[in-house]
PDB file of N, CA and C in Angstrom:
ATOM      1  N   MET A   1     114.019  86.245 103.643  1.00  0.00           N
ATOM      2  CA  MET A   1     112.946  86.928 104.348  1.00  0.00           C
ATOM      3  C   MET A   1     111.722  86.019 104.379  1.00  0.00           C
ATOM      4  N   SER A   2     111.297  85.699 105.533  1.00  0.00           N
ATOM      5  CA  SER A   2     110.173  84.801 105.723  1.00  0.00           C
ATOM      6  C   SER A   2     108.897  85.623 105.896  1.00  0.00           C
ATOM      7  N   LEU A   3     107.874  85.266 105.128  1.00  0.00           N
ATOM      8  CA  LEU A   3     106.593  85.958 105.215  1.00  0.00           C
ATOM      9  C   LEU A   3     105.691  85.170 106.149  1.00  0.00           C
ATOM     10  N   THR A   4     105.416  85.754 107.292  1.00  0.00           N
ATOM     11  CA  THR A   4     104.554  85.084 108.258  1.00  0.00           C
ATOM     12  C   THR A   4     103.198  85.767 108.270  1.00  0.00           C
ATOM     13  N   VAL A   5     102.274  85.143 108.951  1.00  0.00           N
ATOM     14  CA  VAL A   5     100.920  85.674 109.035  1.00  0.00           C
ATOM     15  C   VAL A   5     100.921  87.024 109.753  1.00  0.00           C
ATOM     16  N   SER A   6     101.718  87.141 110.789  1.00  0.00           N
ATOM     17  CA  SER A   6     101.736  88.400 111.553  1.00  0.00           C
ATOM     18  C   SER A   6     102.305  89.543 110.717  1.00  0.00           C
ATOM     19  N   THR A   7     103.333  89.290 109.905  1.00  0.00           N
ATOM     20  CA  THR A   7     103.867  90.370 109.065  1.00  0.00           C
ATOM     21  C   THR A   7     102.886  90.725 107.958  1.00  0.00           C
ATOM     22  N   LEU A   8     102.164  89.741 107.452  1.00  0.00           N
ATOM     23  CA  LEU A   8     101.155  90.011 106.431  1.00  0.00           C
ATOM     24  C   LEU A   8     100.019  90.847 107.016  1.00  0.00           C
ATOM     25  N   LEU A   9      99.550  90.508 108.207  1.00  0.00           N
ATOM     26  CA  LEU A   9      98.490  91.276 108.858  1.00  0.00           C
ATOM     27  C   LEU A   9      98.951  92.692 109.189  1.00  0.00           C
ATOM     28  N   THR A  10     100.200  92.829 109.607  1.00  0.00           N
ATOM     29  CA  THR A  10     100.738  94.155 109.877  1.00  0.00           C
ATOM     30  C   THR A  10     100.775  94.987 108.607  1.00  0.00           C
ATOM     31  N   TRP A  11     101.218  94.399 107.521  1.00  0.00           N
ATOM     32  CA  TRP A  11     101.269  95.119 106.243  1.00  0.00           C
ATOM     33  C   TRP A  11      99.870  95.521 105.793  1.00  0.00           C
ATOM     34  N   LEU A  12      98.894  94.617 105.953  1.00  0.00           N
ATOM     35  CA  LEU A  12      97.518  94.939 105.569  1.00  0.00           C
ATOM     36  C   LEU A  12      96.945  96.062 106.422  1.00  0.00           C
ATOM     37  N   ARG A  13      97.244  96.077 107.720  1.00  0.00           N
ATOM     38  CA  ARG A  13      96.772  97.155 108.590  1.00  0.00           C
ATOM     39  C   ARG A  13      97.403  98.487 108.212  1.00  0.00           C
ATOM     40  N   GLU A  14      98.684  98.479 107.898  1.00  0.00           N
ATOM     41  CA  GLU A  14      99.385  99.713 107.551  1.00  0.00           C
ATOM     42  C   GLU A  14      98.945 100.249 106.189  1.00  0.00           C
ATOM     43  N   ASN A  15      98.530  99.371 105.290  1.00  0.00           N
ATOM     44  CA  ASN A  15      98.162  99.768 103.936  1.00  0.00           C
ATOM     45  C   ASN A  15      96.687  99.493 103.648  1.00  0.00           C
ATOM     46  N   SER A  16      95.855  99.639 104.662  1.00  0.00           N
ATOM     47  CA  SER A  16      94.446  99.299 104.486  1.00  0.00           C
ATOM     48  C   SER A  16      93.762 100.205 103.458  1.00  0.00           C
ATOM     49  N   SER A  17      94.131 101.466 103.402  1.00  0.00           N
ATOM     50  CA  SER A  17      93.522 102.370 102.412  1.00  0.00           C
ATOM     51  C   SER A  17      93.856 101.933 100.993  1.00  0.00           C
ATOM     52  N   LEU A  18      95.095 101.572 100.773  1.00  0.00           N
ATOM     53  CA  LEU A  18      95.525 101.109  99.453  1.00  0.00           C
ATOM     54  C   LEU A  18      94.821  99.810  99.075  1.00  0.00           C
ATOM     55  N   VAL A  19      94.696  98.902 100.010  1.00  0.00           N
ATOM     56  CA  VAL A  19      94.029  97.628  99.754  1.00  0.00           C
ATOM     57  C   VAL A  19      92.554  97.854  99.445  1.00  0.00           C
ATOM     58  N   LEU A  20      91.885  98.716 100.205  1.00  0.00           N
ATOM     59  CA  LEU A  20      90.476  99.005  99.954  1.00  0.00           C
ATOM     60  C   LEU A  20      90.272  99.683  98.603  1.00  0.00           C
ATOM     61  N   LEU A  21      91.174 100.576  98.246  1.00  0.00           N
ATOM     62  CA  LEU A  21      91.080 101.231  96.947  1.00  0.00           C
ATOM     63  C   LEU A  21      91.251 100.215  95.815  1.00  0.00           C
ATOM     64  N   ALA A  22      92.222  99.329  95.940  1.00  0.00           N
ATOM     65  CA  ALA A  22      92.451  98.313  94.913  1.00  0.00           C
ATOM     66  C   ALA A  22      91.250  97.375  94.792  1.00  0.00           C
ATOM     67  N   VAL A  23      90.673  96.976  95.898  1.00  0.00           N
ATOM     68  CA  VAL A  23      89.501  96.102  95.869  1.00  0.00           C
ATOM     69  C   VAL A  23      88.315  96.822  95.241  1.00  0.00           C
ATOM     70  N   ALA A  24      88.140  98.099  95.568  1.00  0.00           N
ATOM     71  CA  ALA A  24      87.038  98.872  94.993  1.00  0.00           C
ATOM     72  C   ALA A  24      87.188  99.018  93.479  1.00  0.00           C
ATOM     73  N   VAL A  25      88.404  99.242  93.009  1.00  0.00           N
ATOM     74  CA  VAL A  25      88.633  99.367  91.565  1.00  0.00           C
ATOM     75  C   VAL A  25      88.349  98.050  90.863  1.00  0.00           C
ATOM     76  N   VAL A  26      88.778  96.953  91.436  1.00  0.00           N
ATOM     77  CA  VAL A  26      88.529  95.642  90.834  1.00  0.00           C
ATOM     78  C   VAL A  26      87.034  95.347  90.795  1.00  0.00           C
ATOM     79  N   ILE A  27      86.326  95.618  91.869  1.00  0.00           N
ATOM     80  CA  ILE A  27      84.881  95.381  91.895  1.00  0.00           C
ATOM     81  C   ILE A  27      84.168  96.279  90.895  1.00  0.00           C
ATOM     82  N   TYR A  28      84.592  97.545  90.805  1.00  0.00           N
ATOM     83  CA  TYR A  28      83.977  98.477  89.854  1.00  0.00           C
ATOM     84  C   TYR A  28      84.113  97.969  88.428  1.00  0.00           C
ATOM     85  N   PHE A  29      85.320  97.565  88.038  1.00  0.00           N
ATOM     86  CA  PHE A  29      85.512  97.103  86.670  1.00  0.00           C
ATOM     87  C   PHE A  29      84.847  95.752  86.419  1.00  0.00           C
ATOM     88  N   ALA A  30      84.747  94.925  87.438  1.00  0.00           N
ATOM     89  CA  ALA A  30      84.063  93.641  87.266  1.00  0.00           C
ATOM     90  C   ALA A  30      82.571  93.846  87.034  1.00  0.00           C
ATOM     91  N   LEU A  31      81.989  94.808  87.734  1.00  0.00           N
ATOM     92  CA  LEU A  31      80.560  95.061  87.571  1.00  0.00           C
ATOM     93  C   LEU A  31      80.258  95.965  86.382  1.00  0.00           C
ATOM     94  N   ARG A  32      81.205  96.807  86.018  1.00  0.00           N
ATOM     95  CA  ARG A  32      80.986  97.788  84.954  1.00  0.00           C
ATOM     96  C   ARG A  32      81.028  97.156  83.573  1.00  0.00           C
ATOM     97  N   THR A  33      81.936  96.238  83.373  1.00  0.00           N
ATOM     98  CA  THR A  33      82.081  95.640  82.053  1.00  0.00           C
ATOM     99  C   THR A  33      81.077  94.510  81.901  1.00  0.00           C
ATOM    100  N   SER A  34      80.302  94.590  80.871  1.00  0.00           N
ATOM    101  CA  SER A  34      79.333  93.544  80.586  1.00  0.00           C
ATOM    102  C   SER A  34      79.334  93.321  79.078  1.00  0.00           C
ATOM    103  N   PRO A  35      79.046  92.133  78.658  1.00  0.00           N
ATOM    104  CA  PRO A  35      79.049  91.865  77.217  1.00  0.00           C
ATOM    105  C   PRO A  35      77.932  92.620  76.510  1.00  0.00           C
ATOM    106  N   THR A  36      78.217  93.020  75.295  1.00  0.00           N
ATOM    107  CA  THR A  36      77.205  93.716  74.516  1.00  0.00           C
ATOM    108  C   THR A  36      76.215  92.712  73.938  1.00  0.00           C
ATOM    109  N   LYS A  37      75.041  93.210  73.555  1.00  0.00           N
ATOM    110  CA  LYS A  37      74.030  92.318  73.008  1.00  0.00           C
ATOM    111  C   LYS A  37      74.231  92.062  71.521  1.00  0.00           C
ATOM    112  N   GLY A  38      75.164  92.736  70.901  1.00  0.00           N
ATOM    113  CA  GLY A  38      75.421  92.496  69.493  1.00  0.00           C
ATOM    114  C   GLY A  38      74.444  93.219  68.581  1.00  0.00           C
ATOM    115  N   ILE A  39      73.976  94.368  68.996  1.00  0.00           N
ATOM    116  CA  ILE A  39      73.082  95.150  68.146  1.00  0.00           C
ATOM    117  C   ILE A  39      73.957  95.898  67.157  1.00  0.00           C
ATOM    118  N   ASP A  40      73.962  95.420  65.932  1.00  0.00           N
ATOM    119  CA  ASP A  40      74.866  95.988  64.943  1.00  0.00           C
ATOM    120  C   ASP A  40      74.155  96.589  63.744  1.00  0.00           C
ATOM    121  N   SER A  41      72.825  96.623  63.774  1.00  0.00           N
ATOM    122  CA  SER A  41      72.095  97.220  62.658  1.00  0.00           C
ATOM    123  C   SER A  41      70.781  97.801  63.186  1.00  0.00           C
ATOM    124  N   PRO A  42      70.183  98.708  62.442  1.00  0.00           N
ATOM    125  CA  PRO A  42      68.895  99.261  62.875  1.00  0.00           C
ATOM    126  C   PRO A  42      67.803  98.198  62.995  1.00  0.00           C
ATOM    127  N   ARG A  43      67.878  97.169  62.191  1.00  0.00           N
ATOM    128  CA  ARG A  43      66.864  96.105  62.242  1.00  0.00           C
ATOM    129  C   ARG A  43      66.941  95.339  63.564  1.00  0.00           C
ATOM    130  N   THR A  44      68.150  94.993  64.005  1.00  0.00           N
ATOM    131  CA  THR A  44      68.282  94.276  65.281  1.00  0.00           C
ATOM    132  C   THR A  44      67.952  95.196  66.460  1.00  0.00           C
ATOM    133  N   LEU A  45      68.256  96.500  66.339  1.00  0.00           N
ATOM    134  CA  LEU A  45      67.871  97.443  67.384  1.00  0.00           C
ATOM    135  C   LEU A  45      66.353  97.516  67.492  1.00  0.00           C
ATOM    136  N   ASP A  46      65.670  97.620  66.370  1.00  0.00           N
ATOM    137  CA  ASP A  46      64.209  97.677  66.378  1.00  0.00           C
ATOM    138  C   ASP A  46      63.611  96.397  66.965  1.00  0.00           C
ATOM    139  N   ALA A  47      64.168  95.251  66.605  1.00  0.00           N
ATOM    140  CA  ALA A  47      63.675  93.979  67.141  1.00  0.00           C
ATOM    141  C   ALA A  47      63.887  93.913  68.651  1.00  0.00           C
ATOM    142  N   SER A  48      64.998  94.432  69.119  1.00  0.00           N
ATOM    143  CA  SER A  48      65.277  94.429  70.557  1.00  0.00           C
ATOM    144  C   SER A  48      64.341  95.369  71.297  1.00  0.00           C
ATOM    145  N   LEU A  49      64.014  96.495  70.688  1.00  0.00           N
ATOM    146  CA  LEU A  49      63.108  97.447  71.333  1.00  0.00           C
ATOM    147  C   LEU A  49      61.664  96.960  71.341  1.00  0.00           C
ATOM    148  N   GLN A  50      61.290  96.135  70.408  1.00  0.00           N
ATOM    149  CA  GLN A  50      59.913  95.655  70.290  1.00  0.00           C
ATOM    150  C   GLN A  50      59.607  94.450  71.181  1.00  0.00           C
ATOM    151  N   THR A  51      60.592  93.944  71.939  1.00  0.00           N
ATOM    152  CA  THR A  51      60.366  92.762  72.773  1.00  0.00           C
ATOM    153  C   THR A  51      59.494  93.044  73.988  1.00  0.00           C
ATOM    154  N   GLY A  52      59.370  94.311  74.378  1.00  0.00           N
ATOM    155  CA  GLY A  52      58.575  94.644  75.552  1.00  0.00           C
ATOM    156  C   GLY A  52      59.377  94.663  76.833  1.00  0.00           C
ATOM    157  N   GLN A  53      60.662  94.347  76.753  1.00  0.00           N
ATOM    158  CA  GLN A  53      61.535  94.367  77.918  1.00  0.00           C
ATOM    159  C   GLN A  53      62.262  95.714  77.975  1.00  0.00           C
ATOM    160  N   PRO A  54      62.617  96.172  79.187  1.00  0.00           N
ATOM    161  CA  PRO A  54      63.379  97.418  79.293  1.00  0.00           C
ATOM    162  C   PRO A  54      64.727  97.290  78.570  1.00  0.00           C
ATOM    163  N   VAL A  55      65.112  98.351  77.867  1.00  0.00           N
ATOM    164  CA  VAL A  55      66.351  98.352  77.096  1.00  0.00           C
ATOM    165  C   VAL A  55      67.121  99.625  77.423  1.00  0.00           C
ATOM    166  N   VAL A  56      68.408  99.485  77.699  1.00  0.00           N
ATOM    167  CA  VAL A  56      69.277 100.643  77.921  1.00  0.00           C
ATOM    168  C   VAL A  56      70.088 100.845  76.645  1.00  0.00           C
ATOM    169  N   VAL A  57      69.982 102.035  76.074  1.00  0.00           N
ATOM    170  CA  VAL A  57      70.715 102.350  74.854  1.00  0.00           C
ATOM    171  C   VAL A  57      71.732 103.421  75.184  1.00  0.00           C
ATOM    172  N   GLU A  58      73.011 103.137  74.932  1.00  0.00           N
ATOM    173  CA  GLU A  58      74.076 104.098  75.180  1.00  0.00           C
ATOM    174  C   GLU A  58      74.563 104.618  73.834  1.00  0.00           C
ATOM    175  N   PHE A  59      74.763 105.913  73.779  1.00  0.00           N
ATOM    176  CA  PHE A  59      75.210 106.541  72.545  1.00  0.00           C
ATOM    177  C   PHE A  59      76.498 107.290  72.843  1.00  0.00           C
ATOM    178  N   TYR A  60      77.521 107.035  72.058  1.00  0.00           N
ATOM    179  CA  TYR A  60      78.801 107.701  72.201  1.00  0.00           C
ATOM    180  C   TYR A  60      79.095 108.491  70.938  1.00  0.00           C
ATOM    181  N   SER A  61      79.587 109.696  71.132  1.00  0.00           N
ATOM    182  CA  SER A  61      79.935 110.541  70.000  1.00  0.00           C
ATOM    183  C   SER A  61      81.243 111.260  70.305  1.00  0.00           C
ATOM    184  N   ASN A  62      82.066 111.433  69.314  1.00  0.00           N
ATOM    185  CA  ASN A  62      83.327 112.154  69.480  1.00  0.00           C
ATOM    186  C   ASN A  62      83.192 113.642  69.162  1.00  0.00           C
ATOM    187  N   LEU A  63      81.987 114.090  68.918  1.00  0.00           N
ATOM    188  CA  LEU A  63      81.784 115.502  68.577  1.00  0.00           C
ATOM    189  C   LEU A  63      81.781 116.380  69.780  1.00  0.00           C
TER     190      LEU A  63
END
């Protein structure tokens, strides 16, 4: 089975919703995951908050 440009374009047209969904998921996870700043103690948290720069603090609880 030979894969030509026309068959590839036909497949992309027929499955455009699936392709767009897959691209959206990849972009979402690429933008969503970011490295942590390494705040592992109250002292480093306080130092980070005192810098004068905006800080986003996320809190997770299993309760």
